[in-house]
Amino acid sequence: MPSDRGRALGRLLAAALAIAALALMWRVAEVDLSRLWQGLPRLAAWGARAWPPNFEDGATLLRRAGETLAMATLGTLLGALVAAPLCLLAARTTAPGAIVYAPARALLNMLRGVDSFVFALLFVAAVGLGPFAGLLGIAMHSAGSIAKLWSETIEQAAPGPVEAATLTGASRLKVALHALLPDVAPGLTSTALYILEFNVRASTVLGVVGAGGLGQELKNAVDLLDSPRVFAIILVILVMVTAIDAFSALARRRLA
């Protein structure tokens, strides 16, 4: 009974601390529901001004959409190529030892901790304005995210095939290619598709820092207070993201 009472008190204390933390965050975030309520009419007025959407110069929207898709796809592919060796070094079952495992995990945390938006901002300074900077930003962040998820998939793989291949005297590379990879390939591919899906959404705003794509067109329209054009761009983004999400979900189901 005393132990049960102690656990109950511990849960109450944890709940009280959580509530106090949420209350502090509410205050720090300056949440004001009355301001939201007062602003809803202005939002409705903006919606009225934005209708009908302005699809004039549709060729520019298509070109910007192509830039967005190219940034997301090539950025994810480049990130996956970088993640391939990193995930083996960051998985306990395949890392040569703690001396390699710990720095590899730290590198992944660094890459994941910096958003693709920030990376894109840095690469704009390096390579100039345009989608190439966005592609590099997506690749850097994706490399950390993909490698982290891939390393966890590798750690959860059944040990039997790997142990059997190791007993034959095969090298680490051959064990990884012939015993480990066939077992985890569906999971790795599913993860890469999910990251691609996320990157298509993320790349739509990279134009804010001059990295091209639909985000650049959106920023231009917002700066000009062109509400119908803003609405048209948002619709294009929604259609593109929905199509990519549907394709990715279908591909993951087929791999399951």
Protein backbone atom coordinates (compact mmCIF):
# COMPACT_ATOMS: atom_id res chain seq x y z
CA MET A 1 0.00 0.00 0.00
CA PRO A 2 2.70 2.58 0.83
CA SER A 3 4.29 1.98 -2.55
CA ASP A 4 0.92 2.42 -4.29
CA ARG A 5 0.37 5.66 -2.35
CA GLY A 6 3.84 6.84 -3.33
CA ARG A 7 3.21 6.11 -7.01
CA ALA A 8 -0.12 7.95 -6.84
CA LEU A 9 1.55 10.97 -5.25
CA GLY A 10 4.26 10.82 -7.90
CA ARG A 11 1.66 10.85 -10.69
CA LEU A 12 -0.15 13.77 -9.07
CA LEU A 13 3.12 15.68 -8.78
CA ALA A 14 3.97 14.95 -12.41
CA ALA A 15 0.50 16.09 -13.51
CA ALA A 16 0.81 19.29 -11.45
CA LEU A 17 4.23 20.04 -12.97
CA ALA A 18 2.90 19.39 -16.48
CA ILE A 19 -0.04 21.75 -15.91
CA ALA A 20 2.28 24.42 -14.50
CA ALA A 21 4.60 24.06 -17.50
CA LEU A 22 1.69 24.36 -19.95
CA ALA A 23 0.42 27.44 -18.13
CA LEU A 24 3.87 29.01 -18.37
CA MET A 25 4.08 28.18 -22.09
CA TRP A 26 0.60 29.67 -22.61
CA ARG A 27 1.84 32.91 -21.06
CA VAL A 28 5.16 32.96 -22.91
CA ALA A 29 3.41 32.31 -26.25
CA GLU A 30 1.08 35.26 -25.52
CA VAL A 31 -2.01 33.23 -26.35
CA ASP A 32 -5.01 35.57 -26.53
CA LEU A 33 -8.25 33.99 -27.77
CA SER A 34 -10.00 37.37 -27.77
CA ARG A 35 -7.50 38.65 -30.36
CA LEU A 36 -8.22 35.60 -32.49
CA TRP A 37 -11.96 36.19 -32.25
CA GLN A 38 -11.55 39.85 -33.19
CA GLY A 39 -9.31 38.91 -36.13
CA LEU A 40 -11.69 36.37 -37.70
CA PRO A 41 -13.72 39.06 -39.52
CA ARG A 42 -10.50 40.39 -41.06
CA LEU A 43 -9.63 36.87 -42.19
CA ALA A 44 -13.09 36.50 -43.72
CA ALA A 45 -12.66 39.84 -45.51
CA TRP A 46 -9.34 38.66 -46.92
CA GLY A 47 -11.03 35.49 -48.17
CA ALA A 48 -13.71 37.55 -49.89
CA ARG A 49 -11.08 39.71 -51.61
CA ALA A 50 -9.13 36.61 -52.68
CA TRP A 51 -12.05 35.18 -54.65
CA PRO A 52 -11.87 34.32 -57.46
CA PRO A 53 -8.28 33.06 -57.50
CA ASN A 54 -6.03 34.66 -60.10
CA PHE A 55 -4.53 31.99 -62.36
CA GLU A 56 -3.21 34.45 -64.92
CA ASP A 57 0.32 33.63 -66.07
CA GLY A 58 -0.27 29.98 -65.26
CA ALA A 59 3.01 29.09 -66.97
CA THR A 60 4.91 30.81 -64.16
CA LEU A 61 2.98 28.85 -61.53
CA LEU A 62 3.73 25.58 -63.33
CA ARG A 63 7.41 26.47 -63.58
CA ARG A 64 7.54 27.34 -59.87
CA ALA A 65 5.70 24.12 -59.02
CA GLY A 66 8.29 22.21 -61.06
CA GLU A 67 11.07 23.93 -59.12
CA THR A 68 9.42 22.94 -55.84
CA LEU A 69 9.05 19.31 -56.90
CA ALA A 70 12.62 19.20 -58.23
CA MET A 71 14.02 20.67 -55.00
CA ALA A 72 12.13 18.16 -52.87
CA THR A 73 12.92 15.10 -55.01
CA LEU A 74 16.60 15.77 -55.69
CA GLY A 75 17.14 17.05 -52.15
CA THR A 76 15.65 13.86 -50.71
CA LEU A 77 17.71 11.70 -53.08
CA LEU A 78 20.95 13.50 -52.20
CA GLY A 79 20.07 13.29 -48.51
CA ALA A 80 19.46 9.55 -48.84
CA LEU A 81 22.85 9.04 -50.53
CA VAL A 82 24.55 10.86 -47.65
CA ALA A 83 22.44 8.96 -45.11
CA ALA A 84 23.33 5.50 -46.49
CA PRO A 85 26.82 5.25 -44.94
CA LEU A 86 25.88 7.37 -41.91
CA CYS A 87 23.04 5.08 -40.87
CA LEU A 88 25.40 2.08 -40.72
CA LEU A 89 27.78 4.04 -38.49
CA ALA A 90 24.92 5.27 -36.28
CA ALA A 91 23.28 1.86 -35.68
CA ARG A 92 24.52 -0.15 -32.70
CA THR A 93 24.34 -3.42 -34.62
CA THR A 94 26.52 -2.24 -37.52
CA ALA A 95 28.77 0.47 -36.04
CA PRO A 96 32.43 -0.61 -35.65
CA GLY A 97 32.36 0.56 -32.03
CA ALA A 98 31.38 3.32 -29.61
CA ILE A 99 34.23 5.48 -30.85
CA VAL A 100 32.41 5.73 -34.21
CA TYR A 101 28.81 5.31 -33.02
CA ALA A 102 28.77 8.31 -30.66
CA PRO A 103 30.17 10.88 -33.14
CA ALA A 104 27.87 9.54 -35.88
CA ARG A 105 24.80 10.00 -33.66
CA ALA A 106 25.97 13.50 -32.71
CA LEU A 107 26.32 14.40 -36.41
CA LEU A 108 22.81 13.15 -37.14
CA ASN A 109 21.42 15.20 -34.25
CA MET A 110 23.17 18.28 -35.62
CA LEU A 111 21.79 17.78 -39.14
CA ARG A 112 18.28 17.08 -37.84
CA GLY A 113 18.42 19.95 -35.36
CA VAL A 114 18.92 22.58 -38.06
CA ASP A 115 15.81 23.01 -40.20
CA SER A 116 16.03 22.90 -43.99
CA PHE A 117 14.80 26.52 -43.96
CA VAL A 118 17.93 27.58 -42.04
CA PHE A 119 20.22 25.47 -44.22
CA ALA A 120 18.65 27.03 -47.33
CA LEU A 121 19.28 30.50 -45.92
CA LEU A 122 22.95 29.63 -45.43
CA PHE A 123 23.27 28.13 -48.91
CA VAL A 124 21.68 31.22 -50.48
CA ALA A 125 24.68 33.10 -49.14
CA ALA A 126 27.00 30.44 -50.63
CA VAL A 127 25.49 29.73 -54.07
CA GLY A 128 23.11 32.65 -54.55
CA LEU A 129 19.36 32.84 -55.01
CA GLY A 130 17.46 30.04 -56.69
CA PRO A 131 16.25 26.46 -56.22
CA PHE A 132 19.79 25.04 -55.97
CA ALA A 133 20.13 26.61 -52.52
CA GLY A 134 16.80 25.09 -51.50
CA LEU A 135 17.84 21.68 -52.81
CA LEU A 136 21.03 21.75 -50.73
CA GLY A 137 19.14 22.88 -47.65
CA ILE A 138 16.66 20.03 -47.99
CA ALA A 139 19.47 17.53 -48.59
CA MET A 140 21.37 18.49 -45.43
CA HIS A 141 18.34 18.25 -43.15
CA SER A 142 17.04 15.11 -44.88
CA ALA A 143 20.39 13.34 -44.50
CA GLY A 144 20.11 13.58 -40.72
CA SER A 145 16.44 12.62 -40.58
CA ILE A 146 16.75 9.68 -43.00
CA ALA A 147 19.91 8.33 -41.39
CA LYS A 148 18.32 8.52 -37.92
CA LEU A 149 15.22 6.60 -39.01
CA TRP A 150 17.22 4.14 -41.10
CA SER A 151 19.59 3.39 -38.20
CA GLU A 152 16.61 2.60 -35.97
CA THR A 153 15.19 0.29 -38.65
CA ILE A 154 18.54 -1.49 -38.90
CA GLU A 155 18.74 -1.92 -35.11
CA GLN A 156 15.29 -3.56 -35.10
CA ALA A 157 16.18 -6.05 -37.85
CA ALA A 158 16.17 -9.76 -37.03
CA PRO A 159 19.72 -10.76 -35.98
CA GLY A 160 19.58 -14.28 -37.45
CA PRO A 161 20.59 -13.60 -41.09
CA VAL A 162 23.34 -11.18 -40.04
CA GLU A 163 24.80 -13.64 -37.51
CA ALA A 164 24.71 -16.47 -40.05
CA ALA A 165 26.50 -14.37 -42.66
CA THR A 166 29.08 -13.23 -40.10
CA LEU A 167 29.88 -16.82 -39.17
CA THR A 168 30.82 -17.53 -42.78
CA GLY A 169 33.64 -14.99 -42.46
CA ALA A 170 32.06 -12.41 -44.76
CA SER A 171 33.22 -8.81 -44.45
CA ARG A 172 31.03 -6.15 -42.82
CA LEU A 173 30.19 -4.72 -46.23
CA LYS A 174 29.08 -8.09 -47.62
CA VAL A 175 27.05 -8.83 -44.50
CA ALA A 176 25.30 -5.48 -44.82
CA LEU A 177 24.61 -5.89 -48.54
CA HIS A 178 23.56 -9.55 -48.65
CA ALA A 179 22.11 -10.31 -45.20
CA LEU A 180 20.93 -7.02 -43.72
CA LEU A 181 19.78 -4.97 -46.73
CA PRO A 182 17.22 -7.46 -48.14
CA ASP A 183 15.56 -7.65 -44.72
CA VAL A 184 15.29 -3.90 -44.10
CA ALA A 185 14.90 -2.59 -47.68
CA PRO A 186 11.08 -2.16 -47.52
CA GLY A 187 11.35 -0.18 -44.29
CA LEU A 188 14.16 1.99 -45.65
CA THR A 189 12.23 2.75 -48.83
CA SER A 190 9.07 3.57 -46.88
CA THR A 191 11.02 5.99 -44.71
CA ALA A 192 12.56 7.71 -47.74
CA LEU A 193 9.11 8.14 -49.31
CA TYR A 194 7.77 9.65 -46.11
CA ILE A 195 10.66 12.13 -46.01
CA LEU A 196 9.99 13.00 -49.67
CA GLU A 197 6.36 13.65 -48.80
CA PHE A 198 7.44 15.94 -45.96
CA ASN A 199 10.01 17.74 -48.11
CA VAL A 200 7.46 18.60 -50.81
CA ARG A 201 5.45 20.41 -48.14
CA ALA A 202 8.52 22.04 -46.61
CA SER A 203 9.96 23.21 -49.94
CA THR A 204 6.85 25.28 -50.69
CA VAL A 205 8.03 27.91 -48.19
CA LEU A 206 11.75 27.96 -48.95
CA GLY A 207 11.18 30.74 -51.47
CA VAL A 208 10.77 33.10 -48.52
CA VAL A 209 14.57 33.06 -48.22
CA GLY A 210 15.08 33.32 -51.98
CA ALA A 211 15.38 29.59 -52.68
CA GLY A 212 12.90 29.58 -55.55
CA GLY A 213 9.84 27.40 -56.02
CA LEU A 214 6.24 28.26 -55.22
CA GLY A 215 7.36 29.90 -51.99
CA GLN A 216 9.11 32.60 -54.00
CA GLU A 217 5.96 33.26 -56.01
CA LEU A 218 3.90 33.27 -52.82
CA LYS A 219 6.20 35.80 -51.17
CA ASN A 220 6.01 38.07 -54.21
CA ALA A 221 2.21 37.95 -54.20
CA VAL A 222 2.02 38.65 -50.46
CA ASP A 223 4.40 41.61 -50.79
CA LEU A 224 2.14 43.04 -53.52
CA LEU A 225 -1.01 42.38 -51.43
CA ASP A 226 -2.38 40.44 -54.41
CA SER A 227 -4.93 38.30 -52.53
CA PRO A 228 -6.38 36.47 -55.57
CA ARG A 229 -2.85 35.49 -56.65
CA VAL A 230 -2.03 34.29 -53.11
CA PHE A 231 -5.17 32.15 -53.10
CA ALA A 232 -4.30 30.67 -56.50
CA ILE A 233 -0.79 29.74 -55.31
CA ILE A 234 -2.19 28.15 -52.15
CA LEU A 235 -4.56 26.05 -54.28
CA VAL A 236 -1.68 24.91 -56.49
CA ILE A 237 0.32 23.96 -53.38
CA LEU A 238 -2.62 21.98 -51.98
CA VAL A 239 -3.16 20.08 -55.22
CA MET A 240 0.54 19.25 -55.59
CA VAL A 241 1.01 18.19 -51.96
CA THR A 242 -2.17 16.08 -52.04
CA ALA A 243 -1.00 14.29 -55.19
CA ILE A 244 2.45 13.58 -53.73
CA ASP A 245 0.92 12.39 -50.45
CA ALA A 246 -1.39 10.02 -52.31
CA PHE A 247 1.47 8.63 -54.42
CA SER A 248 3.70 8.18 -51.36
CA ALA A 249 0.95 6.47 -49.36
CA LEU A 250 0.21 4.09 -52.26
CA ALA A 251 3.89 3.23 -52.66
CA ARG A 252 4.28 2.57 -48.91
CA ARG A 253 1.25 0.29 -48.90
CA ARG A 254 2.70 -1.73 -51.76
CA LEU A 255 5.97 -2.10 -49.85
CA ALA A 256 4.26 -3.19 -46.63
